């Protein structure tokens, strides 16, 4: 099966450093005792597959381009059909695109915390971040962009409960310090050039483009499907995902992950994600 990572993730999904180590592994929702799991670094990123640090000028990419590259990887590996394509956020975009572009090659589909297209608000946030990187450079600009992004990834109730109006001994707001920490972390591990390329690819996400509209595109999906939203997600709102749950033939309902953590809930609510994966993969 294919597990797709999100914007700044990579192919390390299991084990001690794995970003989904509590979902992918022996006896977990994606059980590696039962399934052979493939995770590929995204085209345009900076963790292995070709990206703008390797090739200049680097071409503009769409989600469909990235999935077409993954299809060539599957061909190379001799994989004709994935048991399942699974992903959240930008990974969900690619899982969905797999199911629409290659319906005969995807047996089951789990998409978490992403809609059928990039909305105006999502594009607004990513273009602001890209401009921050362009103006501020690969260190200060990426740092600021990540801080802005991280606010959209969490929820106001979580930030209020976790930080409130607390001021640290060094004079910084606690929430300010938290965001600065995450900005610095990303600068130390990620390419600013890839950040722009991948944000632009995410903005291209539109399942209905050149396919006769969204409904026609969703009708192409033949996989047994679970569409899951996060109730506190203010970036990828559940209503947009309801459209997919209603129109995909193999989807029974919109599943809701209950979380105070906002969009990042798919990386935190392991018990609920495991339950979704087990249900998807049950015979």
Protein backbone atom coordinates (compact mmCIF):
# COMPACT_ATOMS: atom_id res chain seq x y z
CA UNK A 1 0.00 0.00 0.00
CA UNK A 2 0.98 3.62 -0.47
CA UNK A 3 1.24 6.10 2.39
CA UNK A 4 1.63 9.73 1.35
CA UNK A 5 3.38 12.31 3.53
CA UNK A 6 2.29 15.92 3.97
CA UNK A 7 3.96 19.20 2.97
CA UNK A 8 7.15 19.11 5.04
CA UNK A 9 7.12 15.39 5.84
CA UNK A 10 9.17 12.64 4.25
CA UNK A 11 9.26 8.91 3.67
CA UNK A 12 10.22 8.10 7.28
CA UNK A 13 6.77 7.07 8.44
CA UNK A 14 7.51 4.29 10.95
CA UNK A 15 10.00 3.52 13.69
CA UNK A 16 11.51 5.86 16.24
CA UNK A 17 11.77 8.89 13.96
CA UNK A 18 8.65 8.16 11.94
CA UNK A 19 6.04 10.90 11.76
CA UNK A 20 3.26 8.26 11.83
CA UNK A 21 5.10 5.74 14.02
CA UNK A 22 1.98 5.19 16.12
CA UNK A 23 -0.13 4.41 13.04
CA UNK A 24 2.27 2.44 10.82
CA UNK A 25 3.95 -0.60 12.32
CA UNK A 26 3.41 -4.12 13.66
CA UNK A 27 -0.10 -4.50 15.04
CA UNK A 28 -1.06 -0.88 14.33
CA UNK A 29 -3.81 0.46 12.08
CA UNK A 30 -1.51 0.13 9.09
CA UNK A 31 -0.09 -3.22 10.13
CA UNK A 32 3.33 -3.93 8.67
CA UNK A 33 2.95 -7.57 9.69
CA UNK A 34 0.22 -7.78 7.07
CA UNK A 35 0.96 -5.05 4.52
CA UNK A 36 4.04 -3.98 2.60
CA UNK A 37 4.06 -0.20 2.90
CA UNK A 38 5.64 2.14 0.37
CA UNK A 39 6.31 5.79 1.17
CA UNK A 40 7.97 8.00 -1.43
CA UNK A 41 9.52 11.41 -0.89
CA UNK A 42 7.48 13.97 -2.77
CA UNK A 43 8.72 15.28 -6.11
CA UNK A 44 9.87 18.86 -5.56
CA UNK A 45 10.78 18.28 -1.94
CA UNK A 46 14.19 18.10 -0.29
CA UNK A 47 14.30 14.64 1.30
CA UNK A 48 15.38 12.46 -1.61
CA UNK A 49 13.31 12.96 -4.75
CA UNK A 50 14.43 15.64 -7.20
CA UNK A 51 13.72 19.16 -6.01
CA UNK A 52 14.77 22.76 -6.64
CA UNK A 53 17.99 22.29 -4.67
CA UNK A 54 19.00 19.71 -7.30
CA UNK A 55 17.86 21.38 -10.51
CA UNK A 56 17.71 25.03 -11.50
CA UNK A 57 15.54 26.36 -12.91
CA UNK A 58 13.05 23.93 -11.41
CA UNK A 59 9.74 23.56 -13.26
CA UNK A 60 6.38 24.34 -11.73
CA UNK A 61 4.66 21.20 -10.45
CA UNK A 62 1.07 20.19 -9.86
CA UNK A 63 -0.28 17.48 -7.59
CA UNK A 64 -1.02 15.51 -10.76
CA UNK A 65 2.62 15.77 -11.81
CA UNK A 66 3.72 14.40 -8.46
CA UNK A 67 1.29 11.50 -8.70
CA UNK A 68 2.36 10.78 -12.28
CA UNK A 69 5.93 10.47 -10.98
CA UNK A 70 4.72 8.11 -8.25
CA UNK A 71 2.91 6.04 -10.87
CA UNK A 72 6.22 5.60 -12.68
CA UNK A 73 7.75 4.52 -9.38
CA UNK A 74 4.96 1.96 -8.94
CA UNK A 75 5.63 0.69 -12.46
CA UNK A 76 9.32 0.36 -11.63
CA UNK A 77 8.49 -1.57 -8.45
CA UNK A 78 6.10 -3.83 -10.35
CA UNK A 79 3.07 -2.65 -8.37
CA UNK A 80 0.02 -2.78 -10.60
CA UNK A 81 -2.54 -2.05 -7.87
CA UNK A 82 -2.17 -0.52 -4.42
CA UNK A 83 -4.18 -2.24 -1.72
CA UNK A 84 -4.76 1.27 -0.44
CA UNK A 85 -3.63 4.86 -0.91
CA UNK A 86 -3.60 6.74 2.38
CA UNK A 87 -2.67 10.29 3.31
CA UNK A 88 -3.52 13.42 5.24
CA UNK A 89 -3.34 17.07 4.18
CA UNK A 90 -1.01 17.33 1.15
CA UNK A 91 -0.64 13.56 1.37
CA UNK A 92 -4.39 13.28 1.11
CA UNK A 93 -4.30 15.39 -2.04
CA UNK A 94 -2.00 12.85 -3.66
CA UNK A 95 -4.00 9.86 -2.40
CA UNK A 96 -7.15 11.40 -3.87
CA UNK A 97 -5.41 12.19 -7.14
CA UNK A 98 -4.21 8.60 -7.37
CA UNK A 99 -7.79 7.36 -6.97
CA UNK A 100 -9.08 9.73 -9.68
CA UNK A 101 -6.20 9.46 -12.16
CA UNK A 102 -5.66 5.71 -11.80
CA UNK A 103 -8.90 4.27 -10.39
CA UNK A 104 -8.00 0.77 -11.53
CA UNK A 105 -4.78 0.92 -9.48
CA UNK A 106 -6.22 1.91 -6.09
CA UNK A 107 -8.27 -0.64 -4.16
CA UNK A 108 -9.01 1.47 -1.07
CA UNK A 109 -8.64 5.13 -0.20
CA UNK A 110 -8.25 7.01 3.07
CA UNK A 111 -8.11 10.79 2.78
CA UNK A 112 -7.80 12.84 5.96
CA UNK A 113 -8.08 16.60 6.48
CA UNK A 114 -8.16 17.77 2.88
CA UNK A 115 -10.83 18.85 0.42
CA UNK A 116 -11.33 18.21 -3.30
CA UNK A 117 -9.61 21.44 -4.34
CA UNK A 118 -7.54 24.26 -2.88
CA UNK A 119 -9.90 26.99 -1.71
CA UNK A 120 -9.33 30.72 -2.08
CA UNK A 121 -8.48 31.00 1.61
CA UNK A 122 -5.98 28.12 1.47
CA UNK A 123 -4.33 29.70 -1.58
CA UNK A 124 -4.25 33.04 0.24
CA UNK A 125 -2.37 31.57 3.19
CA UNK A 126 0.19 29.74 1.05
CA UNK A 127 0.86 32.70 -1.25
CA UNK A 128 1.43 34.95 1.79
CA UNK A 129 3.92 32.40 3.11
CA UNK A 130 5.68 32.16 -0.25
CA UNK A 131 6.01 35.95 -0.40
CA UNK A 132 7.49 35.93 3.09
CA UNK A 133 10.15 33.48 1.91
CA UNK A 134 10.89 35.55 -1.19
CA UNK A 135 11.18 38.80 0.74
CA UNK A 136 12.79 37.48 3.91
CA UNK A 137 15.07 34.86 2.39
CA UNK A 138 15.66 31.19 3.17
CA UNK A 139 16.21 31.74 6.90
CA UNK A 140 14.15 34.64 8.24
CA UNK A 141 11.52 34.33 5.51
CA UNK A 142 11.01 30.59 5.96
CA UNK A 143 10.96 31.04 9.74
CA UNK A 144 8.14 33.60 9.51
CA UNK A 145 6.24 31.57 6.91
CA UNK A 146 6.29 28.51 9.11
CA UNK A 147 5.02 30.48 12.09
CA UNK A 148 2.07 31.74 10.08
CA UNK A 149 1.38 28.27 8.71
CA UNK A 150 1.54 26.71 12.15
CA UNK A 151 -1.21 28.96 13.45
CA UNK A 152 -3.47 27.70 10.65
CA UNK A 153 -2.54 24.10 11.50
CA UNK A 154 -3.76 24.38 15.11
CA UNK A 155 -6.99 25.59 16.70
CA UNK A 156 -7.75 28.70 18.73
CA UNK A 157 -9.13 26.66 21.68
CA UNK A 158 -5.88 24.67 21.87
CA UNK A 159 -3.70 27.79 21.75
CA UNK A 160 -5.88 29.45 24.40
CA UNK A 161 -5.80 26.42 26.70
CA UNK A 162 -2.11 25.77 26.19
CA UNK A 163 -0.69 29.30 26.30
CA UNK A 164 -3.38 31.79 27.21
CA UNK A 165 -1.82 35.18 27.94
CA UNK A 166 1.25 33.72 29.63
CA UNK A 167 4.45 35.73 29.42
CA UNK A 168 7.75 33.91 29.87
CA UNK A 169 10.61 35.06 32.09
CA UNK A 170 12.42 36.33 28.98
CA UNK A 171 9.54 38.67 28.20
CA UNK A 172 8.17 36.78 25.24
CA UNK A 173 4.60 35.60 25.03
CA UNK A 174 4.50 31.84 25.52
CA UNK A 175 2.66 31.38 22.21
CA UNK A 176 5.24 33.61 20.50
CA UNK A 177 8.07 31.44 21.81
CA UNK A 178 6.26 28.30 20.65
CA UNK A 179 5.88 29.61 17.11
CA UNK A 180 9.48 30.80 16.98
CA UNK A 181 10.58 27.33 18.02
CA UNK A 182 8.67 25.73 15.15
CA UNK A 183 9.99 28.28 12.68
CA UNK A 184 13.57 27.55 13.69
CA UNK A 185 13.00 23.79 13.53
CA UNK A 186 11.81 23.99 9.93
CA UNK A 187 14.66 26.28 8.84
CA UNK A 188 17.12 23.70 10.18
CA UNK A 189 15.65 20.79 8.21
CA UNK A 190 13.85 22.08 5.12
CA UNK A 191 14.58 23.89 1.88
CA UNK A 192 12.98 27.30 1.37
CA UNK A 193 12.97 26.63 -2.37
CA UNK A 194 11.07 23.38 -1.87
CA UNK A 195 8.64 25.13 0.45
CA UNK A 196 7.62 27.48 -2.36
CA UNK A 197 7.47 24.74 -5.00
CA UNK A 198 5.32 22.48 -2.83
CA UNK A 199 3.01 25.27 -1.73
CA UNK A 200 2.41 26.10 -5.37
CA UNK A 201 1.72 22.44 -6.13
CA UNK A 202 -0.84 22.34 -3.32
CA UNK A 203 -2.51 25.43 -4.75
CA UNK A 204 -2.93 23.52 -8.03
CA UNK A 205 -5.01 20.84 -6.29
CA UNK A 206 -8.36 20.55 -8.08
CA UNK A 207 -9.78 17.09 -8.72
CA UNK A 208 -12.35 18.43 -11.17
CA UNK A 209 -9.99 20.41 -13.39
CA UNK A 210 -10.21 19.29 -17.05
CA UNK A 211 -12.39 16.34 -16.04
CA UNK A 212 -15.86 17.71 -16.61
CA UNK A 213 -16.17 19.14 -13.12
CA UNK A 214 -15.83 17.88 -9.58
CA UNK A 215 -18.80 15.52 -9.52
CA UNK A 216 -17.63 13.74 -12.68
CA UNK A 217 -14.12 13.42 -11.27
CA UNK A 218 -15.31 11.96 -7.97
CA UNK A 219 -17.51 9.47 -9.80
CA UNK A 220 -14.33 8.02 -11.34
CA UNK A 221 -13.17 6.74 -7.95
CA UNK A 222 -13.83 3.02 -7.65
CA UNK A 223 -11.96 2.44 -4.38
CA UNK A 224 -13.58 1.61 -1.08
CA UNK A 225 -13.23 5.04 0.47
CA UNK A 226 -13.07 6.74 3.84
CA UNK A 227 -13.11 10.53 3.86
CA UNK A 228 -12.25 11.91 7.30
CA UNK A 229 -12.36 15.51 8.46
CA UNK A 230 -11.20 17.06 11.75
CA UNK A 231 -13.88 18.94 13.62
CA UNK A 232 -11.55 21.78 14.73
CA UNK A 233 -9.71 22.15 11.40
CA UNK A 234 -9.91 25.80 10.36
CA UNK A 235 -7.70 25.36 7.29
CA UNK A 236 -9.42 22.39 5.58
CA UNK A 237 -12.99 22.76 6.74
CA UNK A 238 -15.21 19.68 7.12
CA UNK A 239 -17.88 21.07 4.80
CA UNK A 240 -15.57 20.85 1.79
CA UNK A 241 -14.89 17.21 2.61
CA UNK A 242 -18.59 16.47 2.91
CA UNK A 243 -18.83 17.05 -0.85
CA UNK A 244 -16.46 14.15 -1.47
CA UNK A 245 -18.20 11.86 0.99
CA UNK A 246 -21.49 12.54 -0.78
CA UNK A 247 -20.22 11.99 -4.33
CA UNK A 248 -17.64 9.19 -4.17
CA UNK A 249 -19.51 5.94 -4.91
CA UNK A 250 -17.56 3.82 -2.42
CA UNK A 251 -17.84 6.24 0.51
CA UNK A 252 -20.61 5.68 3.04
CA UNK A 253 -20.34 8.87 5.08
CA UNK A 254 -18.06 11.65 6.22
CA UNK A 255 -16.07 10.46 9.23
CA UNK A 256 -15.15 13.06 11.83
CA UNK A 257 -12.00 13.06 13.94
CA UNK A 258 -12.67 14.82 17.23
CA UNK A 259 -9.69 16.91 18.25
CA UNK A 260 -8.73 20.19 19.86
CA UNK A 261 -5.56 20.29 17.75
CA UNK A 262 -6.99 21.57 14.49
CA UNK A 263 -5.57 20.47 11.15
CA UNK A 264 -2.63 18.75 12.84
CA UNK A 265 -5.04 16.34 14.48
CA UNK A 266 -4.23 13.71 11.86
CA UNK A 267 -0.68 13.68 13.25
CA UNK A 268 -1.80 13.55 16.88
CA UNK A 269 -5.08 11.65 17.27
CA UNK A 270 -3.49 8.25 16.75
CA UNK A 271 -6.28 6.16 18.25
CA UNK A 272 -8.87 7.64 15.92
CA UNK A 273 -6.61 7.41 12.85
CA UNK A 274 -5.78 3.80 13.70
CA UNK A 275 -9.48 3.00 13.93
CA UNK A 276 -10.11 4.52 10.51
CA UNK A 277 -7.23 2.58 8.95
CA UNK A 278 -8.36 -0.70 10.49
CA UNK A 279 -11.88 -0.17 9.21
CA UNK A 280 -10.64 0.66 5.73
CA UNK A 281 -8.42 -2.41 5.54
CA UNK A 282 -10.81 -4.90 7.13
CA UNK A 283 -11.98 -7.64 4.76
